[in-house]
């Protein structure tokens, strides 16, 4: 895998994660809007899970996606640093 391949994979992963994060945040807003128009005490609703539980799940997934973006950014920096060092070593070896 070339450095450009690694960057392309990291960039694609970042784009997918940002899209997922946007969808999660839209879902969260949907739950907030839905809770305004319904009974606030939905914990005993036999039809499904409580809105608070849904919001909590979306919040956890949001935090995971945010952490993934941070990790991806760190990987990008590490890849760039590695490539810089690799290029410098190659230049030094070529001079010998």
Foldseek 3Di string as FASTA:
>chain_A
DDLVVVVVVLVVVLVVLVVVLVVLVVVLVVLVVVCVPDDVPCPPPPPDHDSVVVNVVSVVVNVVSVVVNVVSVVVNVVSVVVVVVVVVVVVVVVVD
